[in-house]
Structures are given as structure tokens and as C-alpha cells.
Amino acid sequence: MIEITVRAVSTLKTKFQTPAVVPLPEGSTVKDLLSACEVDHNRVIVLLNNMQVNINHKLNHSDQVTILPFIIGG
């Protein structure tokens, strides 16, 4: 098991307490984490340890993930 610290910003703060520690099986990806947090991977940008990553990136124990929603306006 690995534990990932997740911080959500903006409108995603209403989905779960932030920061949160999310336990996942070894070998989990960003997509697995987003599923566990019930966040649509098509509507967010993910920063892993302050670097943008794609949803297939594998996570390691103690990684810190920030989830940012796409913001559309005009």
C-alpha cells in the first residue's frame, strides 16, 4: 500500500477534505487516484510534486498531488 497526499483547489474542494491522505495499492497511477477521489480525469490538471503529469504516471509512496479543475470563462 502507498499513501498519497492530495490537495484539491477551487471547486474541487467540495468533493473531499483537503489535504487528504489516500491509500492506494502499489503500482497505482494518477488515473487510479482520480477514480478513488471521484474526480473526472478529463476535467482536471494534475501536479505531482509540483510538476504536471499525465494520468498514466505511476505514483510512489508519499507523493504529493494537487488537482486543479479546468476553468472556462469569458
PDB file of N, CA and C in Angstrom:
ATOM      1  N   MET A   1       0.842  -1.186   0.000  1.00  0.00           N
ATOM      2  CA  MET A   1       0.000   0.000   0.000  1.00  0.00           C
ATOM      3  C   MET A   1       0.886   1.248   0.000  1.00  0.00           C
ATOM      4  N   ILE A   2       0.462   2.243  -0.776  1.00  0.00           N
ATOM      5  CA  ILE A   2       1.129   3.535  -0.754  1.00  0.00           C
ATOM      6  C   ILE A   2       0.129   4.577  -0.279  1.00  0.00           C
ATOM      7  N   GLU A   3       0.626   5.665   0.260  1.00  0.00           N
ATOM      8  CA  GLU A   3      -0.238   6.764   0.698  1.00  0.00           C
ATOM      9  C   GLU A   3       0.154   8.019  -0.056  1.00  0.00           C
ATOM     10  N   ILE A   4      -0.856   8.652  -0.659  1.00  0.00           N
ATOM     11  CA  ILE A   4      -0.656   9.847  -1.464  1.00  0.00           C
ATOM     12  C   ILE A   4      -1.370  11.016  -0.790  1.00  0.00           C
ATOM     13  N   THR A   5      -0.674  12.123  -0.642  1.00  0.00           N
ATOM     14  CA  THR A   5      -1.299  13.332  -0.102  1.00  0.00           C
ATOM     15  C   THR A   5      -1.900  14.102  -1.268  1.00  0.00           C
ATOM     16  N   VAL A   6      -3.195  14.382  -1.166  1.00  0.00           N
ATOM     17  CA  VAL A   6      -3.923  15.042  -2.250  1.00  0.00           C
ATOM     18  C   VAL A   6      -4.453  16.380  -1.762  1.00  0.00           C
ATOM     19  N   ARG A   7      -4.227  17.394  -2.588  1.00  0.00           N
ATOM     20  CA  ARG A   7      -4.772  18.719  -2.315  1.00  0.00           C
ATOM     21  C   ARG A   7      -5.598  19.116  -3.522  1.00  0.00           C
ATOM     22  N   ALA A   8      -6.829  19.499  -3.289  1.00  0.00           N
ATOM     23  CA  ALA A   8      -7.713  19.951  -4.360  1.00  0.00           C
ATOM     24  C   ALA A   8      -7.918  21.455  -4.202  1.00  0.00           C
ATOM     25  N   VAL A   9      -8.067  22.132  -5.315  1.00  0.00           N
ATOM     26  CA  VAL A   9      -8.279  23.574  -5.271  1.00  0.00           C
ATOM     27  C   VAL A   9      -9.569  23.944  -5.987  1.00  0.00           C
ATOM     28  N   SER A  10     -10.017  25.146  -5.710  1.00  0.00           N
ATOM     29  CA  SER A  10     -11.195  25.730  -6.324  1.00  0.00           C
ATOM     30  C   SER A  10     -12.442  24.890  -6.056  1.00  0.00           C
ATOM     31  N   THR A  11     -13.217  24.615  -7.081  1.00  0.00           N
ATOM     32  CA  THR A  11     -14.492  23.913  -6.909  1.00  0.00           C
ATOM     33  C   THR A  11     -14.321  22.466  -6.465  1.00  0.00           C
ATOM     34  N   LEU A  12     -13.135  21.889  -6.629  1.00  0.00           N
ATOM     35  CA  LEU A  12     -12.916  20.503  -6.216  1.00  0.00           C
ATOM     36  C   LEU A  12     -12.837  20.355  -4.699  1.00  0.00           C
ATOM     37  N   LYS A  13     -12.672  21.450  -3.977  1.00  0.00           N
ATOM     38  CA  LYS A  13     -12.603  21.376  -2.518  1.00  0.00           C
ATOM     39  C   LYS A  13     -13.889  20.819  -1.921  1.00  0.00           C
ATOM     40  N   THR A  14     -14.980  20.920  -2.635  1.00  0.00           N
ATOM     41  CA  THR A  14     -16.256  20.423  -2.117  1.00  0.00           C
ATOM     42  C   THR A  14     -16.371  18.902  -2.221  1.00  0.00           C
ATOM     43  N   LYS A  15     -15.518  18.262  -3.024  1.00  0.00           N
ATOM     44  CA  LYS A  15     -15.586  16.800  -3.200  1.00  0.00           C
ATOM     45  C   LYS A  15     -15.038  16.034  -1.998  1.00  0.00           C
ATOM     46  N   PHE A  16     -13.979  16.565  -1.368  1.00  0.00           N
ATOM     47  CA  PHE A  16     -13.370  15.877  -0.227  1.00  0.00           C
ATOM     48  C   PHE A  16     -12.539  16.850   0.587  1.00  0.00           C
ATOM     49  N   GLN A  17     -12.265  16.460   1.828  1.00  0.00           N
ATOM     50  CA  GLN A  17     -11.426  17.276   2.701  1.00  0.00           C
ATOM     51  C   GLN A  17     -10.044  17.396   2.080  1.00  0.00           C
ATOM     52  N   THR A  18      -9.478  18.572   2.122  1.00  0.00           N
ATOM     53  CA  THR A  18      -8.169  18.755   1.530  1.00  0.00           C
ATOM     54  C   THR A  18      -7.261  19.483   2.502  1.00  0.00           C
ATOM     55  N   PRO A  19      -6.032  19.078   2.696  1.00  0.00           N
ATOM     56  CA  PRO A  19      -5.420  17.916   2.058  1.00  0.00           C
ATOM     57  C   PRO A  19      -5.941  16.610   2.646  1.00  0.00           C
ATOM     58  N   ALA A  20      -5.878  15.580   1.835  1.00  0.00           N
ATOM     59  CA  ALA A  20      -6.313  14.247   2.244  1.00  0.00           C
ATOM     60  C   ALA A  20      -5.193  13.255   1.969  1.00  0.00           C
ATOM     61  N   VAL A  21      -5.138  12.212   2.760  1.00  0.00           N
ATOM     62  CA  VAL A  21      -4.200  11.128   2.508  1.00  0.00           C
ATOM     63  C   VAL A  21      -5.006   9.956   1.958  1.00  0.00           C
ATOM     64  N   VAL A  22      -4.652   9.546   0.752  1.00  0.00           N
ATOM     65  CA  VAL A  22      -5.409   8.498   0.058  1.00  0.00           C
ATOM     66  C   VAL A  22      -4.533   7.250  -0.064  1.00  0.00           C
ATOM     67  N   PRO A  23      -4.973   6.130   0.530  1.00  0.00           N
ATOM     68  CA  PRO A  23      -4.224   4.882   0.379  1.00  0.00           C
ATOM     69  C   PRO A  23      -4.573   4.214  -0.954  1.00  0.00           C
ATOM     70  N   LEU A  24      -3.548   3.713  -1.625  1.00  0.00           N
ATOM     71  CA  LEU A  24      -3.733   3.033  -2.913  1.00  0.00           C
ATOM     72  C   LEU A  24      -2.815   1.823  -2.976  1.00  0.00           C
ATOM     73  N   PRO A  25      -3.143   0.842  -3.811  1.00  0.00           N
ATOM     74  CA  PRO A  25      -2.244  -0.304  -3.987  1.00  0.00           C
ATOM     75  C   PRO A  25      -0.952   0.116  -4.696  1.00  0.00           C
ATOM     76  N   GLU A  26       0.120  -0.631  -4.439  1.00  0.00           N
ATOM     77  CA  GLU A  26       1.389  -0.409  -5.147  1.00  0.00           C
ATOM     78  C   GLU A  26       1.133  -0.451  -6.650  1.00  0.00           C
ATOM     79  N   GLY A  27       1.828   0.382  -7.401  1.00  0.00           N
ATOM     80  CA  GLY A  27       1.682   0.397  -8.851  1.00  0.00           C
ATOM     81  C   GLY A  27       0.538   1.253  -9.362  1.00  0.00           C
ATOM     82  N   SER A  28      -0.146   1.956  -8.468  1.00  0.00           N
ATOM     83  CA  SER A  28      -1.273   2.798  -8.884  1.00  0.00           C
ATOM     84  C   SER A  28      -0.797   3.989  -9.697  1.00  0.00           C
ATOM     85  N   THR A  29      -1.690   4.467 -10.553  1.00  0.00           N
ATOM     86  CA  THR A  29      -1.399   5.617 -11.402  1.00  0.00           C
ATOM     87  C   THR A  29      -2.223   6.824 -10.959  1.00  0.00           C
ATOM     88  N   VAL A  30      -1.948   7.950 -11.595  1.00  0.00           N
ATOM     89  CA  VAL A  30      -2.725   9.159 -11.330  1.00  0.00           C
ATOM     90  C   VAL A  30      -4.199   8.903 -11.637  1.00  0.00           C
ATOM     91  N   LYS A  31      -4.474   8.166 -12.694  1.00  0.00           N
ATOM     92  CA  LYS A  31      -5.863   7.859 -13.045  1.00  0.00           C
ATOM     93  C   LYS A  31      -6.546   7.065 -11.929  1.00  0.00           C
ATOM     94  N   ASP A  32      -5.832   6.120 -11.323  1.00  0.00           N
ATOM     95  CA  ASP A  32      -6.385   5.355 -10.201  1.00  0.00           C
ATOM     96  C   ASP A  32      -6.707   6.281  -9.027  1.00  0.00           C
ATOM     97  N   LEU A  33      -5.816   7.222  -8.776  1.00  0.00           N
ATOM     98  CA  LEU A  33      -6.030   8.177  -7.682  1.00  0.00           C
ATOM     99  C   LEU A  33      -7.261   9.034  -7.954  1.00  0.00           C
ATOM    100  N   LEU A  34      -7.384   9.530  -9.167  1.00  0.00           N
ATOM    101  CA  LEU A  34      -8.542  10.360  -9.506  1.00  0.00           C
ATOM    102  C   LEU A  34      -9.836   9.571  -9.377  1.00  0.00           C
ATOM    103  N   SER A  35      -9.820   8.316  -9.768  1.00  0.00           N
ATOM    104  CA  SER A  35     -11.006   7.461  -9.604  1.00  0.00           C
ATOM    105  C   SER A  35     -11.353   7.297  -8.134  1.00  0.00           C
ATOM    106  N   ALA A  36     -10.340   7.078  -7.296  1.00  0.00           N
ATOM    107  CA  ALA A  36     -10.569   6.918  -5.863  1.00  0.00           C
ATOM    108  C   ALA A  36     -11.150   8.188  -5.249  1.00  0.00           C
ATOM    109  N   CYS A  37     -10.793   9.336  -5.809  1.00  0.00           N
ATOM    110  CA  CYS A  37     -11.293  10.625  -5.315  1.00  0.00           C
ATOM    111  C   CYS A  37     -12.577  11.051  -6.013  1.00  0.00           C
ATOM    112  N   GLU A  38     -13.069  10.219  -6.935  1.00  0.00           N
ATOM    113  CA  GLU A  38     -14.279  10.503  -7.705  1.00  0.00           C
ATOM    114  C   GLU A  38     -14.167  11.808  -8.482  1.00  0.00           C
ATOM    115  N   VAL A  39     -13.013  11.978  -9.136  1.00  0.00           N
ATOM    116  CA  VAL A  39     -12.750  13.159  -9.950  1.00  0.00           C
ATOM    117  C   VAL A  39     -12.599  12.716 -11.404  1.00  0.00           C
ATOM    118  N   ASP A  40     -13.298  13.389 -12.317  1.00  0.00           N
ATOM    119  CA  ASP A  40     -13.238  13.074 -13.744  1.00  0.00           C
ATOM    120  C   ASP A  40     -11.883  13.518 -14.298  1.00  0.00           C
ATOM    121  N   HIS A  41     -11.089  12.572 -14.775  1.00  0.00           N
ATOM    122  CA  HIS A  41      -9.748  12.898 -15.261  1.00  0.00           C
ATOM    123  C   HIS A  41      -9.758  13.773 -16.512  1.00  0.00           C
ATOM    124  N   ASN A  42     -10.892  13.880 -17.176  1.00  0.00           N
ATOM    125  CA  ASN A  42     -10.999  14.723 -18.366  1.00  0.00           C
ATOM    126  C   ASN A  42     -11.220  16.192 -18.030  1.00  0.00           C
ATOM    127  N   ARG A  43     -11.403  16.506 -16.762  1.00  0.00           N
ATOM    128  CA  ARG A  43     -11.743  17.878 -16.380  1.00  0.00           C
ATOM    129  C   ARG A  43     -10.727  18.525 -15.447  1.00  0.00           C
ATOM    130  N   VAL A  44      -9.551  17.911 -15.330  1.00  0.00           N
ATOM    131  CA  VAL A  44      -8.570  18.434 -14.383  1.00  0.00           C
ATOM    132  C   VAL A  44      -7.144  18.421 -14.943  1.00  0.00           C
ATOM    133  N   ILE A  45      -6.303  19.192 -14.290  1.00  0.00           N
ATOM    134  CA  ILE A  45      -4.857  19.158 -14.486  1.00  0.00           C
ATOM    135  C   ILE A  45      -4.286  18.615 -13.191  1.00  0.00           C
ATOM    136  N   VAL A  46      -3.297  17.731 -13.291  1.00  0.00           N
ATOM    137  CA  VAL A  46      -2.715  17.118 -12.101  1.00  0.00           C
ATOM    138  C   VAL A  46      -1.245  17.505 -11.984  1.00  0.00           C
ATOM    139  N   LEU A  47      -0.891  17.995 -10.807  1.00  0.00           N
ATOM    140  CA  LEU A  47       0.502  18.295 -10.492  1.00  0.00           C
ATOM    141  C   LEU A  47       0.988  17.254  -9.496  1.00  0.00           C
ATOM    142  N   LEU A  48       2.093  16.609  -9.821  1.00  0.00           N
ATOM    143  CA  LEU A  48       2.707  15.624  -8.930  1.00  0.00           C
ATOM    144  C   LEU A  48       4.016  16.221  -8.445  1.00  0.00           C
ATOM    145  N   ASN A  49       4.097  16.470  -7.152  1.00  0.00           N
ATOM    146  CA  ASN A  49       5.287  17.105  -6.578  1.00  0.00           C
ATOM    147  C   ASN A  49       5.636  18.378  -7.360  1.00  0.00           C
ATOM    148  N   ASN A  50       4.599  19.159  -7.686  1.00  0.00           N
ATOM    149  CA  ASN A  50       4.697  20.463  -8.368  1.00  0.00           C
ATOM    150  C   ASN A  50       5.065  20.391  -9.847  1.00  0.00           C
ATOM    151  N   MET A  51       4.966  19.216 -10.459  1.00  0.00           N
ATOM    152  CA  MET A  51       5.233  19.068 -11.892  1.00  0.00           C
ATOM    153  C   MET A  51       3.988  18.456 -12.549  1.00  0.00           C
ATOM    154  N   GLN A  52       3.565  19.016 -13.687  1.00  0.00           N
ATOM    155  CA  GLN A  52       2.399  18.473 -14.378  1.00  0.00           C
ATOM    156  C   GLN A  52       2.718  17.095 -14.935  1.00  0.00           C
ATOM    157  N   VAL A  53       1.790  16.149 -14.730  1.00  0.00           N
ATOM    158  CA  VAL A  53       1.958  14.780 -15.220  1.00  0.00           C
ATOM    159  C   VAL A  53       0.679  14.329 -15.908  1.00  0.00           C
ATOM    160  N   ASN A  54       0.787  13.244 -16.696  1.00  0.00           N
ATOM    161  CA  ASN A  54      -0.408  12.698 -17.334  1.00  0.00           C
ATOM    162  C   ASN A  54      -1.031  11.634 -16.428  1.00  0.00           C
ATOM    163  N   ILE A  55      -2.190  11.164 -16.811  1.00  0.00           N
ATOM    164  CA  ILE A  55      -2.941  10.250 -15.951  1.00  0.00           C
ATOM    165  C   ILE A  55      -2.331   8.861 -15.840  1.00  0.00           C
ATOM    166  N   ASN A  56      -1.396   8.527 -16.717  1.00  0.00           N
ATOM    167  CA  ASN A  56      -0.770   7.206 -16.673  1.00  0.00           C
ATOM    168  C   ASN A  56       0.498   7.168 -15.832  1.00  0.00           C
ATOM    169  N   HIS A  57       0.853   8.285 -15.236  1.00  0.00           N
ATOM    170  CA  HIS A  57       2.070   8.361 -14.424  1.00  0.00           C
ATOM    171  C   HIS A  57       1.899   7.513 -13.156  1.00  0.00           C
ATOM    172  N   LYS A  58       2.896   6.669 -12.865  1.00  0.00           N
ATOM    173  CA  LYS A  58       2.834   5.838 -11.651  1.00  0.00           C
ATOM    174  C   LYS A  58       3.170   6.666 -10.425  1.00  0.00           C
ATOM    175  N   LEU A  59       2.462   6.363  -9.344  1.00  0.00           N
ATOM    176  CA  LEU A  59       2.643   7.077  -8.087  1.00  0.00           C
ATOM    177  C   LEU A  59       3.560   6.299  -7.147  1.00  0.00           C
ATOM    178  N   ASN A  60       4.232   7.041  -6.287  1.00  0.00           N
ATOM    179  CA  ASN A  60       5.095   6.453  -5.260  1.00  0.00           C
ATOM    180  C   ASN A  60       4.611   6.889  -3.887  1.00  0.00           C
ATOM    181  N   HIS A  61       4.921   6.080  -2.885  1.00  0.00           N
ATOM    182  CA  HIS A  61       4.551   6.405  -1.510  1.00  0.00           C
ATOM    183  C   HIS A  61       5.031   7.814  -1.159  1.00  0.00           C
ATOM    184  N   SER A  62       4.185   8.573  -0.508  1.00  0.00           N
ATOM    185  CA  SER A  62       4.459   9.941  -0.038  1.00  0.00           C
ATOM    186  C   SER A  62       4.455  10.996  -1.131  1.00  0.00           C
ATOM    187  N   ASP A  63       4.025  10.647  -2.355  1.00  0.00           N
ATOM    188  CA  ASP A  63       3.881  11.675  -3.380  1.00  0.00           C
ATOM    189  C   ASP A  63       2.840  12.690  -2.934  1.00  0.00           C
ATOM    190  N   GLN A  64       2.998  13.914  -3.424  1.00  0.00           N
ATOM    191  CA  GLN A  64       2.031  14.971  -3.159  1.00  0.00           C
ATOM    192  C   GLN A  64       1.400  15.385  -4.475  1.00  0.00           C
ATOM    193  N   VAL A  65       0.076  15.298  -4.537  1.00  0.00           N
ATOM    194  CA  VAL A  65      -0.663  15.575  -5.762  1.00  0.00           C
ATOM    195  C   VAL A  65      -1.595  16.759  -5.526  1.00  0.00           C
ATOM    196  N   THR A  66      -1.578  17.680  -6.476  1.00  0.00           N
ATOM    197  CA  THR A  66      -2.519  18.792  -6.476  1.00  0.00           C
ATOM    198  C   THR A  66      -3.419  18.629  -7.687  1.00  0.00           C
ATOM    199  N   ILE A  67      -4.728  18.718  -7.463  1.00  0.00           N
ATOM    200  CA  ILE A  67      -5.705  18.576  -8.546  1.00  0.00           C
ATOM    201  C   ILE A  67      -6.324  19.936  -8.803  1.00  0.00           C
ATOM    202  N   LEU A  68      -6.197  20.394 -10.050  1.00  0.00           N
ATOM    203  CA  LEU A  68      -6.718  21.697 -10.466  1.00  0.00           C
ATOM    204  C   LEU A  68      -7.809  21.507 -11.514  1.00  0.00           C
ATOM    205  N   PRO A  69      -8.986  22.090 -11.308  1.00  0.00           N
ATOM    206  CA  PRO A  69     -10.026  21.972 -12.330  1.00  0.00           C
ATOM    207  C   PRO A  69      -9.741  22.903 -13.500  1.00  0.00           C
ATOM    208  N   PHE A  70     -10.191  22.498 -14.690  1.00  0.00           N
ATOM    209  CA  PHE A  70     -10.161  23.423 -15.819  1.00  0.00           C
ATOM    210  C   PHE A  70     -11.125  24.542 -15.492  1.00  0.00           C
ATOM    211  N   ILE A  71     -10.737  25.759 -15.776  1.00  0.00           N
ATOM    212  CA  ILE A  71     -11.611  26.905 -15.543  1.00  0.00           C
ATOM    213  C   ILE A  71     -11.881  27.554 -16.898  1.00  0.00           C
ATOM    214  N   ILE A  72     -13.140  27.662 -17.232  1.00  0.00           N
ATOM    215  CA  ILE A  72     -13.527  28.233 -18.509  1.00  0.00           C
ATOM    216  C   ILE A  72     -14.361  29.494 -18.233  1.00  0.00           C
ATOM    217  N   GLY A  73     -14.048  30.517 -18.912  1.00  0.00           N
ATOM    218  CA  GLY A  73     -14.791  31.753 -18.714  1.00  0.00           C
ATOM    219  C   GLY A  73     -14.598  32.691 -19.882  1.00  0.00           C
ATOM    220  N   GLY A  74     -15.188  33.825 -19.760  1.00  0.00           N
ATOM    221  CA  GLY A  74     -15.035  34.764 -20.862  1.00  0.00           C
ATOM    222  C   GLY A  74     -15.529  36.105 -20.495  1.00  0.00           C
TER     223      GLY A  74
END
